[in-house]
C-alpha cells in the first residue's frame, strides 16, 4: 500500500542506466539507492521491437459525433452501470491521494 513512501521506494524499483553511465560511476555520484540495471542497444529500439506493441492503427475521432474508428472500423462500448471504488487509491486529508 505504501511502496512509494519512505525508504520502501528504494527497494521496489529499478533505475536503468546506460553502459557508459554505469562504467563511469554515475549511480555512485548521484547517490542512487535503488537497484541498478544496465541497458544496451536502446537507440535502435523501435515500436515493432516491443512485445504486444507493434500495431500502428489509424485512429480517427469525429469531432462532431465523437465516433472513434480504428482502421476505419467503428468501435463502441456500453457505459458502465457501476463504477467500483479502486483498492489502489488511498486518500488522506493531510497529504492528498496516492495511486
PDB file of N, CA and C in Angstrom:
ATOM      1  N   UNK A   1       0.809  -1.190   0.000  1.00  0.00           N
ATOM      2  CA  UNK A   1       0.000   0.000   0.000  1.00  0.00           C
ATOM      3  C   UNK A   1       0.857   1.261   0.000  1.00  0.00           C
ATOM      4  N   UNK A   2       1.949   1.265   0.731  1.00  0.00           N
ATOM      5  CA  UNK A   2       2.750   2.469   0.841  1.00  0.00           C
ATOM      6  C   UNK A   2       4.139   2.274   0.237  1.00  0.00           C
ATOM      7  N   UNK A   3       4.224   1.566  -0.874  1.00  0.00           N
ATOM      8  CA  UNK A   3       5.505   1.282  -1.506  1.00  0.00           C
ATOM      9  C   UNK A   3       6.240   2.508  -2.004  1.00  0.00           C
ATOM     10  N   UNK A   4       5.536   3.614  -2.207  1.00  0.00           N
ATOM     11  CA  UNK A   4       6.174   4.827  -2.711  1.00  0.00           C
ATOM     12  C   UNK A   4       6.632   5.752  -1.596  1.00  0.00           C
ATOM     13  N   UNK A   5       6.398   5.357  -0.353  1.00  0.00           N
ATOM     14  CA  UNK A   5       6.719   6.237   0.765  1.00  0.00           C
ATOM     15  C   UNK A   5       7.972   5.782   1.500  1.00  0.00           C
ATOM     16  N   UNK A   6       8.647   6.722   2.124  1.00  0.00           N
ATOM     17  CA  UNK A   6       9.808   6.397   2.943  1.00  0.00           C
ATOM     18  C   UNK A   6      10.900   5.711   2.150  1.00  0.00           C
ATOM     19  N   UNK A   7      11.622   4.808   2.803  1.00  0.00           N
ATOM     20  CA  UNK A   7      12.722   4.112   2.132  1.00  0.00           C
ATOM     21  C   UNK A   7      12.242   2.908   1.336  1.00  0.00           C
ATOM     22  N   UNK A   8      10.954   2.568   1.423  1.00  0.00           N
ATOM     23  CA  UNK A   8      10.432   1.423   0.667  1.00  0.00           C
ATOM     24  C   UNK A   8      10.621   1.614  -0.828  1.00  0.00           C
ATOM     25  N   UNK A   9      10.521   2.844  -1.302  1.00  0.00           N
ATOM     26  CA  UNK A   9      10.621   3.095  -2.746  1.00  0.00           C
ATOM     27  C   UNK A   9      11.974   2.688  -3.317  1.00  0.00           C
ATOM     28  N   UNK A  10      13.007   2.679  -2.503  1.00  0.00           N
ATOM     29  CA  UNK A  10      14.332   2.306  -2.990  1.00  0.00           C
ATOM     30  C   UNK A  10      14.466   0.798  -3.167  1.00  0.00           C
ATOM     31  N   UNK A  11      13.616   0.044  -2.526  1.00  0.00           N
ATOM     32  CA  UNK A  11      13.705  -1.412  -2.566  1.00  0.00           C
ATOM     33  C   UNK A  11      12.725  -2.046  -3.545  1.00  0.00           C
ATOM     34  N   UNK A  12      11.851  -1.264  -4.138  1.00  0.00           N
ATOM     35  CA  UNK A  12      10.847  -1.848  -5.040  1.00  0.00           C
ATOM     36  C   UNK A  12      10.876  -1.188  -6.415  1.00  0.00           C
ATOM     37  N   UNK A  13      12.043  -0.730  -6.843  1.00  0.00           N
ATOM     38  CA  UNK A  13      12.167  -0.143  -8.175  1.00  0.00           C
ATOM     39  C   UNK A  13      13.561  -0.394  -8.736  1.00  0.00           C
ATOM     40  N   UNK A  14      13.679  -0.184 -10.044  1.00  0.00           N
ATOM     41  CA  UNK A  14      14.957  -0.273 -10.752  1.00  0.00           C
ATOM     42  C   UNK A  14      15.261   1.076 -11.377  1.00  0.00           C
ATOM     43  N   UNK A  15      16.516   1.439 -11.398  1.00  0.00           N
ATOM     44  CA  UNK A  15      16.958   2.602 -12.154  1.00  0.00           C
ATOM     45  C   UNK A  15      17.786   2.083 -13.316  1.00  0.00           C
ATOM     46  N   UNK A  16      17.380   2.428 -14.528  1.00  0.00           N
ATOM     47  CA  UNK A  16      18.068   1.958 -15.725  1.00  0.00           C
ATOM     48  C   UNK A  16      19.140   2.962 -16.124  1.00  0.00           C
ATOM     49  N   UNK A  17      20.350   2.467 -16.338  1.00  0.00           N
ATOM     50  CA  UNK A  17      21.477   3.295 -16.756  1.00  0.00           C
ATOM     51  C   UNK A  17      22.100   2.710 -18.017  1.00  0.00           C
ATOM     52  N   UNK A  18      22.680   3.590 -18.822  1.00  0.00           N
ATOM     53  CA  UNK A  18      23.431   3.111 -19.979  1.00  0.00           C
ATOM     54  C   UNK A  18      24.714   2.449 -19.488  1.00  0.00           C
ATOM     55  N   UNK A  19      25.341   1.682 -20.371  1.00  0.00           N
ATOM     56  CA  UNK A  19      26.602   1.036 -20.010  1.00  0.00           C
ATOM     57  C   UNK A  19      27.660   2.080 -19.661  1.00  0.00           C
ATOM     58  N   UNK A  20      27.696   3.167 -20.426  1.00  0.00           N
ATOM     59  CA  UNK A  20      28.689   4.216 -20.178  1.00  0.00           C
ATOM     60  C   UNK A  20      28.455   4.872 -18.820  1.00  0.00           C
ATOM     61  N   UNK A  21      27.206   5.136 -18.474  1.00  0.00           N
ATOM     62  CA  UNK A  21      26.898   5.762 -17.180  1.00  0.00           C
ATOM     63  C   UNK A  21      27.277   4.840 -16.033  1.00  0.00           C
ATOM     64  N   UNK A  22      26.983   3.561 -16.174  1.00  0.00           N
ATOM     65  CA  UNK A  22      27.324   2.601 -15.120  1.00  0.00           C
ATOM     66  C   UNK A  22      28.838   2.489 -14.971  1.00  0.00           C
ATOM     67  N   UNK A  23      29.557   2.452 -16.099  1.00  0.00           N
ATOM     68  CA  UNK A  23      31.014   2.320 -16.060  1.00  0.00           C
ATOM     69  C   UNK A  23      31.682   3.560 -15.472  1.00  0.00           C
ATOM     70  N   UNK A  24      31.059   4.714 -15.623  1.00  0.00           N
ATOM     71  CA  UNK A  24      31.635   5.965 -15.117  1.00  0.00           C
ATOM     72  C   UNK A  24      31.159   6.326 -13.714  1.00  0.00           C
ATOM     73  N   UNK A  25      30.480   5.407 -13.044  1.00  0.00           N
ATOM     74  CA  UNK A  25      30.097   5.632 -11.653  1.00  0.00           C
ATOM     75  C   UNK A  25      28.992   6.642 -11.425  1.00  0.00           C
ATOM     76  N   UNK A  26      28.117   6.797 -12.391  1.00  0.00           N
ATOM     77  CA  UNK A  26      27.029   7.769 -12.250  1.00  0.00           C
ATOM     78  C   UNK A  26      26.131   7.430 -11.064  1.00  0.00           C
ATOM     79  N   UNK A  27      25.850   6.154 -10.854  1.00  0.00           N
ATOM     80  CA  UNK A  27      24.978   5.750  -9.737  1.00  0.00           C
ATOM     81  C   UNK A  27      25.562   6.188  -8.400  1.00  0.00           C
ATOM     82  N   UNK A  28      26.864   6.039  -8.247  1.00  0.00           N
ATOM     83  CA  UNK A  28      27.513   6.440  -7.001  1.00  0.00           C
ATOM     84  C   UNK A  28      27.546   7.963  -6.858  1.00  0.00           C
ATOM     85  N   UNK A  29      27.833   8.658  -7.952  1.00  0.00           N
ATOM     86  CA  UNK A  29      27.886  10.123  -7.895  1.00  0.00           C
ATOM     87  C   UNK A  29      26.521  10.724  -7.579  1.00  0.00           C
ATOM     88  N   UNK A  30      25.466  10.071  -8.062  1.00  0.00           N
ATOM     89  CA  UNK A  30      24.114  10.562  -7.789  1.00  0.00           C
ATOM     90  C   UNK A  30      23.540   9.996  -6.499  1.00  0.00           C
ATOM     91  N   UNK A  31      24.308   9.131  -5.837  1.00  0.00           N
ATOM     92  CA  UNK A  31      23.878   8.504  -4.587  1.00  0.00           C
ATOM     93  C   UNK A  31      22.549   7.766  -4.757  1.00  0.00           C
ATOM     94  N   UNK A  32      22.445   7.012  -5.850  1.00  0.00           N
ATOM     95  CA  UNK A  32      21.220   6.250  -6.099  1.00  0.00           C
ATOM     96  C   UNK A  32      21.148   5.086  -5.131  1.00  0.00           C
ATOM     97  N   UNK A  33      20.012   4.916  -4.490  1.00  0.00           N
ATOM     98  CA  UNK A  33      19.853   3.843  -3.513  1.00  0.00           C
ATOM     99  C   UNK A  33      19.028   2.682  -4.052  1.00  0.00           C
ATOM    100  N   UNK A  34      18.418   2.847  -5.212  1.00  0.00           N
ATOM    101  CA  UNK A  34      17.644   1.749  -5.796  1.00  0.00           C
ATOM    102  C   UNK A  34      18.570   0.836  -6.591  1.00  0.00           C
ATOM    103  N   UNK A  35      18.073  -0.347  -6.908  1.00  0.00           N
ATOM    104  CA  UNK A  35      18.856  -1.299  -7.702  1.00  0.00           C
ATOM    105  C   UNK A  35      19.097  -0.718  -9.094  1.00  0.00           C
ATOM    106  N   UNK A  36      20.250  -1.045  -9.663  1.00  0.00           N
ATOM    107  CA  UNK A  36      20.641  -0.533 -10.975  1.00  0.00           C
ATOM    108  C   UNK A  36      20.558  -1.658 -11.998  1.00  0.00           C
ATOM    109  N   UNK A  37      20.027  -1.337 -13.169  1.00  0.00           N
ATOM    110  CA  UNK A  37      20.022  -2.273 -14.293  1.00  0.00           C
ATOM    111  C   UNK A  37      20.685  -1.563 -15.470  1.00  0.00           C
ATOM    112  N   UNK A  38      21.647  -2.230 -16.092  1.00  0.00           N
ATOM    113  CA  UNK A  38      22.367  -1.655 -17.226  1.00  0.00           C
ATOM    114  C   UNK A  38      21.669  -2.089 -18.506  1.00  0.00           C
ATOM    115  N   UNK A  39      21.430  -1.133 -19.383  1.00  0.00           N
ATOM    116  CA  UNK A  39      20.755  -1.416 -20.649  1.00  0.00           C
ATOM    117  C   UNK A  39      21.714  -1.159 -21.799  1.00  0.00           C
ATOM    118  N   UNK A  40      21.446  -1.801 -22.928  1.00  0.00           N
ATOM    119  CA  UNK A  40      22.255  -1.567 -24.125  1.00  0.00           C
ATOM    120  C   UNK A  40      21.369  -1.694 -25.352  1.00  0.00           C
ATOM    121  N   UNK A  41      21.766  -1.056 -26.411  1.00  0.00           N
ATOM    122  CA  UNK A  41      21.032  -1.132 -27.665  1.00  0.00           C
ATOM    123  C   UNK A  41      19.733  -0.345 -27.686  1.00  0.00           C
ATOM    124  N   UNK A  42      19.565   0.602 -26.785  1.00  0.00           N
ATOM    125  CA  UNK A  42      18.304   1.345 -26.688  1.00  0.00           C
ATOM    126  C   UNK A  42      18.079   2.303 -27.855  1.00  0.00           C
ATOM    127  N   UNK A  43      19.131   2.762 -28.463  1.00  0.00           N
ATOM    128  CA  UNK A  43      18.975   3.739 -29.549  1.00  0.00           C
ATOM    129  C   UNK A  43      18.369   3.128 -30.801  1.00  0.00           C
ATOM    130  N   UNK A  44      18.425   1.819 -30.913  1.00  0.00           N
ATOM    131  CA  UNK A  44      17.884   1.175 -32.113  1.00  0.00           C
ATOM    132  C   UNK A  44      16.528   0.524 -31.867  1.00  0.00           C
ATOM    133  N   UNK A  45      15.994   0.627 -30.655  1.00  0.00           N
ATOM    134  CA  UNK A  45      14.695   0.021 -30.347  1.00  0.00           C
ATOM    135  C   UNK A  45      13.598   0.822 -31.030  1.00  0.00           C
ATOM    136  N   UNK A  46      12.688   0.093 -31.672  1.00  0.00           N
ATOM    137  CA  UNK A  46      11.555   0.723 -32.330  1.00  0.00           C
ATOM    138  C   UNK A  46      10.266   0.106 -31.820  1.00  0.00           C
ATOM    139  N   UNK A  47       9.151   0.691 -32.199  1.00  0.00           N
ATOM    140  CA  UNK A  47       7.846   0.217 -31.751  1.00  0.00           C
ATOM    141  C   UNK A  47       7.654  -1.257 -32.074  1.00  0.00           C
ATOM    142  N   UNK A  48       8.110  -1.708 -33.224  1.00  0.00           N
ATOM    143  CA  UNK A  48       7.950  -3.108 -33.627  1.00  0.00           C
ATOM    144  C   UNK A  48       8.730  -4.065 -32.733  1.00  0.00           C
ATOM    145  N   UNK A  49       9.723  -3.569 -32.003  1.00  0.00           N
ATOM    146  CA  UNK A  49      10.507  -4.410 -31.097  1.00  0.00           C
ATOM    147  C   UNK A  49       9.795  -4.675 -29.774  1.00  0.00           C
ATOM    148  N   UNK A  50       8.780  -3.898 -29.468  1.00  0.00           N
ATOM    149  CA  UNK A  50       8.075  -4.034 -28.198  1.00  0.00           C
ATOM    150  C   UNK A  50       7.086  -5.200 -28.247  1.00  0.00           C
ATOM    151  N   UNK A  51       7.096  -6.018 -27.207  1.00  0.00           N
ATOM    152  CA  UNK A  51       6.188  -7.154 -27.129  1.00  0.00           C
ATOM    153  C   UNK A  51       4.756  -6.630 -27.050  1.00  0.00           C
ATOM    154  N   UNK A  52       3.885  -7.160 -27.893  1.00  0.00           N
ATOM    155  CA  UNK A  52       2.462  -6.792 -27.935  1.00  0.00           C
ATOM    156  C   UNK A  52       2.242  -5.311 -28.236  1.00  0.00           C
ATOM    157  N   UNK A  53       3.180  -4.664 -28.877  1.00  0.00           N
ATOM    158  CA  UNK A  53       3.029  -3.230 -29.111  1.00  0.00           C
ATOM    159  C   UNK A  53       3.485  -2.841 -30.510  1.00  0.00           C
ATOM    160  N   UNK A  54       3.321  -3.734 -31.472  1.00  0.00           N
ATOM    161  CA  UNK A  54       3.814  -3.445 -32.811  1.00  0.00           C
ATOM    162  C   UNK A  54       2.744  -2.869 -33.732  1.00  0.00           C
ATOM    163  N   UNK A  55       1.496  -2.832 -33.297  1.00  0.00           N
ATOM    164  CA  UNK A  55       0.434  -2.294 -34.139  1.00  0.00           C
ATOM    165  C   UNK A  55       0.497  -0.774 -34.193  1.00  0.00           C
ATOM    166  N   UNK A  56       0.185  -0.245 -35.347  1.00  0.00           N
ATOM    167  CA  UNK A  56       0.091   1.195 -35.514  1.00  0.00           C
ATOM    168  C   UNK A  56      -1.188   1.502 -36.281  1.00  0.00           C
ATOM    169  N   UNK A  57      -2.338   1.316 -35.633  1.00  0.00           N
ATOM    170  CA  UNK A  57      -3.600   1.521 -36.337  1.00  0.00           C
ATOM    171  C   UNK A  57      -3.850   3.000 -36.616  1.00  0.00           C
ATOM    172  N   UNK A  58      -4.673   3.247 -37.608  1.00  0.00           N
ATOM    173  CA  UNK A  58      -5.101   4.603 -37.916  1.00  0.00           C
ATOM    174  C   UNK A  58      -6.340   4.881 -37.065  1.00  0.00           C
ATOM    175  N   UNK A  59      -6.214   5.739 -36.069  1.00  0.00           N
ATOM    176  CA  UNK A  59      -7.316   6.046 -35.157  1.00  0.00           C
ATOM    177  C   UNK A  59      -7.839   7.437 -35.487  1.00  0.00           C
ATOM    178  N   UNK A  60      -9.153   7.519 -35.733  1.00  0.00           N
ATOM    179  CA  UNK A  60      -9.776   8.804 -36.033  1.00  0.00           C
ATOM    180  C   UNK A  60     -10.951   9.031 -35.093  1.00  0.00           C
ATOM    181  N   UNK A  61     -11.158  10.283 -34.727  1.00  0.00           N
ATOM    182  CA  UNK A  61     -12.286  10.671 -33.882  1.00  0.00           C
ATOM    183  C   UNK A  61     -13.040  11.776 -34.601  1.00  0.00           C
ATOM    184  N   UNK A  62     -14.340  11.555 -34.816  1.00  0.00           N
ATOM    185  CA  UNK A  62     -15.189  12.561 -35.440  1.00  0.00           C
ATOM    186  C   UNK A  62     -15.475  13.643 -34.400  1.00  0.00           C
ATOM    187  N   UNK A  63     -15.081  14.868 -34.682  1.00  0.00           N
ATOM    188  CA  UNK A  63     -15.228  15.957 -33.716  1.00  0.00           C
ATOM    189  C   UNK A  63     -16.683  16.318 -33.451  1.00  0.00           C
ATOM    190  N   UNK A  64     -17.574  16.001 -34.367  1.00  0.00           N
ATOM    191  CA  UNK A  64     -18.989  16.319 -34.187  1.00  0.00           C
ATOM    192  C   UNK A  64     -19.735  15.240 -33.417  1.00  0.00           C
ATOM    193  N   UNK A  65     -19.459  13.971 -33.734  1.00  0.00           N
ATOM    194  CA  UNK A  65     -20.223  12.861 -33.138  1.00  0.00           C
ATOM    195  C   UNK A  65     -19.430  12.105 -32.085  1.00  0.00           C
ATOM    196  N   UNK A  66     -18.139  12.348 -31.995  1.00  0.00           N
ATOM    197  CA  UNK A  66     -17.231  11.642 -31.082  1.00  0.00           C
ATOM    198  C   UNK A  66     -17.133  10.151 -31.399  1.00  0.00           C
ATOM    199  N   UNK A  67     -17.484   9.774 -32.618  1.00  0.00           N
ATOM    200  CA  UNK A  67     -17.309   8.376 -33.025  1.00  0.00           C
ATOM    201  C   UNK A  67     -15.821   8.103 -33.205  1.00  0.00           C
ATOM    202  N   UNK A  68     -15.391   6.972 -32.692  1.00  0.00           N
ATOM    203  CA  UNK A  68     -13.989   6.578 -32.796  1.00  0.00           C
ATOM    204  C   UNK A  68     -13.893   5.415 -33.763  1.00  0.00           C
ATOM    205  N   UNK A  69     -12.988   5.523 -34.706  1.00  0.00           N
ATOM    206  CA  UNK A  69     -12.767   4.455 -35.680  1.00  0.00           C
ATOM    207  C   UNK A  69     -11.306   4.031 -35.631  1.00  0.00           C
ATOM    208  N   UNK A  70     -11.108   2.725 -35.684  1.00  0.00           N
ATOM    209  CA  UNK A  70      -9.773   2.150 -35.728  1.00  0.00           C
ATOM    210  C   UNK A  70      -9.645   1.443 -37.061  1.00  0.00           C
ATOM    211  N   UNK A  71      -8.726   1.911 -37.879  1.00  0.00           N
ATOM    212  CA  UNK A  71      -8.564   1.409 -39.248  1.00  0.00           C
ATOM    213  C   UNK A  71      -9.895   1.392 -39.983  1.00  0.00           C
ATOM    214  N   UNK A  72     -10.685   2.456 -39.802  1.00  0.00           N
ATOM    215  CA  UNK A  72     -11.957   2.603 -40.496  1.00  0.00           C
ATOM    216  C   UNK A  72     -13.134   1.896 -39.850  1.00  0.00           C
ATOM    217  N   UNK A  73     -12.890   1.064 -38.845  1.00  0.00           N
ATOM    218  CA  UNK A  73     -13.969   0.314 -38.192  1.00  0.00           C
ATOM    219  C   UNK A  73     -14.431   1.048 -36.936  1.00  0.00           C
ATOM    220  N   UNK A  74     -15.750   1.301 -36.859  1.00  0.00           N
ATOM    221  CA  UNK A  74     -16.320   1.975 -35.703  1.00  0.00           C
ATOM    222  C   UNK A  74     -16.189   1.093 -34.472  1.00  0.00           C
ATOM    223  N   UNK A  75     -15.670   1.654 -33.397  1.00  0.00           N
ATOM    224  CA  UNK A  75     -15.598   0.901 -32.144  1.00  0.00           C
ATOM    225  C   UNK A  75     -16.543   1.560 -31.144  1.00  0.00           C
ATOM    226  N   UNK A  76     -17.185   0.733 -30.349  1.00  0.00           N
ATOM    227  CA  UNK A  76     -18.139   1.238 -29.365  1.00  0.00           C
ATOM    228  C   UNK A  76     -17.959   0.490 -28.058  1.00  0.00           C
ATOM    229  N   UNK A  77     -18.496   1.064 -27.017  1.00  0.00           N
ATOM    230  CA  UNK A  77     -18.545   0.384 -25.726  1.00  0.00           C
ATOM    231  C   UNK A  77     -19.764   0.896 -24.981  1.00  0.00           C
ATOM    232  N   UNK A  78     -20.336   0.027 -24.196  1.00  0.00           N
ATOM    233  CA  UNK A  78     -21.501   0.402 -23.402  1.00  0.00           C
ATOM    234  C   UNK A  78     -21.035   1.130 -22.147  1.00  0.00           C
ATOM    235  N   UNK A  79     -21.811   2.122 -21.707  1.00  0.00           N
ATOM    236  CA  UNK A  79     -21.430   2.795 -20.463  1.00  0.00           C
ATOM    237  C   UNK A  79     -21.538   1.850 -19.278  1.00  0.00           C
ATOM    238  N   UNK A  80     -20.707   2.061 -18.301  1.00  0.00           N
ATOM    239  CA  UNK A  80     -20.708   1.210 -17.112  1.00  0.00           C
ATOM    240  C   UNK A  80     -21.940   1.494 -16.263  1.00  0.00           C
ATOM    241  N   UNK A  81     -22.523   0.432 -15.728  1.00  0.00           N
ATOM    242  CA  UNK A  81     -23.649   0.583 -14.803  1.00  0.00           C
ATOM    243  C   UNK A  81     -23.158   0.960 -13.413  1.00  0.00           C
ATOM    244  N   UNK A  82     -22.010   0.401 -13.029  1.00  0.00           N
ATOM    245  CA  UNK A  82     -21.461   0.615 -11.694  1.00  0.00           C
ATOM    246  C   UNK A  82     -19.971   0.899 -11.824  1.00  0.00           C
ATOM    247  N   UNK A  83     -19.501   1.903 -11.125  1.00  0.00           N
ATOM    248  CA  UNK A  83     -18.069   2.177 -11.056  1.00  0.00           C
ATOM    249  C   UNK A  83     -17.616   1.850  -9.645  1.00  0.00           C
ATOM    250  N   UNK A  84     -16.787   0.851  -9.527  1.00  0.00           N
ATOM    251  CA  UNK A  84     -16.344   0.392  -8.217  1.00  0.00           C
ATOM    252  C   UNK A  84     -15.186   1.259  -7.712  1.00  0.00           C
ATOM    253  N   UNK A  85     -15.116   1.397  -6.410  1.00  0.00           N
ATOM    254  CA  UNK A  85     -14.004   2.106  -5.787  1.00  0.00           C
ATOM    255  C   UNK A  85     -12.760   1.261  -5.948  1.00  0.00           C
ATOM    256  N   UNK A  86     -11.711   1.842  -6.490  1.00  0.00           N
ATOM    257  CA  UNK A  86     -10.475   1.092  -6.708  1.00  0.00           C
ATOM    258  C   UNK A  86      -9.719   0.931  -5.406  1.00  0.00           C
ATOM    259  N   UNK A  87      -9.167  -0.253  -5.215  1.00  0.00           N
ATOM    260  CA  UNK A  87      -8.417  -0.535  -3.994  1.00  0.00           C
ATOM    261  C   UNK A  87      -7.027   0.089  -3.983  1.00  0.00           C
ATOM    262  N   UNK A  88      -6.558   0.551  -5.148  1.00  0.00           N
ATOM    263  CA  UNK A  88      -5.200   1.078  -5.178  1.00  0.00           C
ATOM    264  C   UNK A  88      -5.150   2.606  -5.094  1.00  0.00           C
ATOM    265  N   UNK A  89      -6.235   3.241  -4.691  1.00  0.00           N
ATOM    266  CA  UNK A  89      -6.251   4.680  -4.470  1.00  0.00           C
ATOM    267  C   UNK A  89      -6.529   4.922  -2.994  1.00  0.00           C
ATOM    268  N   UNK A  90      -5.662   5.669  -2.366  1.00  0.00           N
ATOM    269  CA  UNK A  90      -5.813   5.955  -0.946  1.00  0.00           C
ATOM    270  C   UNK A  90      -5.813   7.469  -0.769  1.00  0.00           C
ATOM    271  N   UNK A  91      -6.840   8.008  -0.173  1.00  0.00           N
ATOM    272  CA  UNK A  91      -6.931   9.452   0.039  1.00  0.00           C
ATOM    273  C   UNK A  91      -6.814   9.770   1.521  1.00  0.00           C
ATOM    274  N   UNK A  92      -5.991  10.751   1.811  1.00  0.00           N
ATOM    275  CA  UNK A  92      -5.788  11.186   3.181  1.00  0.00           C
ATOM    276  C   UNK A  92      -5.897  12.701   3.209  1.00  0.00           C
ATOM    277  N   UNK A  93      -6.554  13.226   4.189  1.00  0.00           N
ATOM    278  CA  UNK A  93      -6.783  14.661   4.279  1.00  0.00           C
ATOM    279  C   UNK A  93      -5.470  15.445   4.304  1.00  0.00           C
ATOM    280  N   UNK A  94      -4.490  14.957   5.025  1.00  0.00           N
ATOM    281  CA  UNK A  94      -3.248  15.695   5.209  1.00  0.00           C
ATOM    282  C   UNK A  94      -2.369  15.717   3.964  1.00  0.00           C
ATOM    283  N   UNK A  95      -2.341  14.621   3.223  1.00  0.00           N
ATOM    284  CA  UNK A  95      -1.334  14.517   2.164  1.00  0.00           C
ATOM    285  C   UNK A  95      -1.886  14.270   0.774  1.00  0.00           C
ATOM    286  N   UNK A  96      -3.166  14.302   0.577  1.00  0.00           N
ATOM    287  CA  UNK A  96      -3.719  14.117  -0.754  1.00  0.00           C
ATOM    288  C   UNK A  96      -3.959  12.660  -1.080  1.00  0.00           C
ATOM    289  N   UNK A  97      -3.996  12.352  -2.372  1.00  0.00           N
ATOM    290  CA  UNK A  97      -4.285  10.988  -2.825  1.00  0.00           C
ATOM    291  C   UNK A  97      -3.031  10.336  -3.383  1.00  0.00           C
ATOM    292  N   UNK A  98      -2.927   9.038  -3.160  1.00  0.00           N
ATOM    293  CA  UNK A  98      -1.836   8.244  -3.707  1.00  0.00           C
ATOM    294  C   UNK A  98      -2.443   7.178  -4.587  1.00  0.00           C
ATOM    295  N   UNK A  99      -1.914   7.025  -5.774  1.00  0.00           N
ATOM    296  CA  UNK A  99      -2.400   5.977  -6.682  1.00  0.00           C
ATOM    297  C   UNK A  99      -1.336   4.926  -6.804  1.00  0.00           C
TER     298      UNK A  99
END
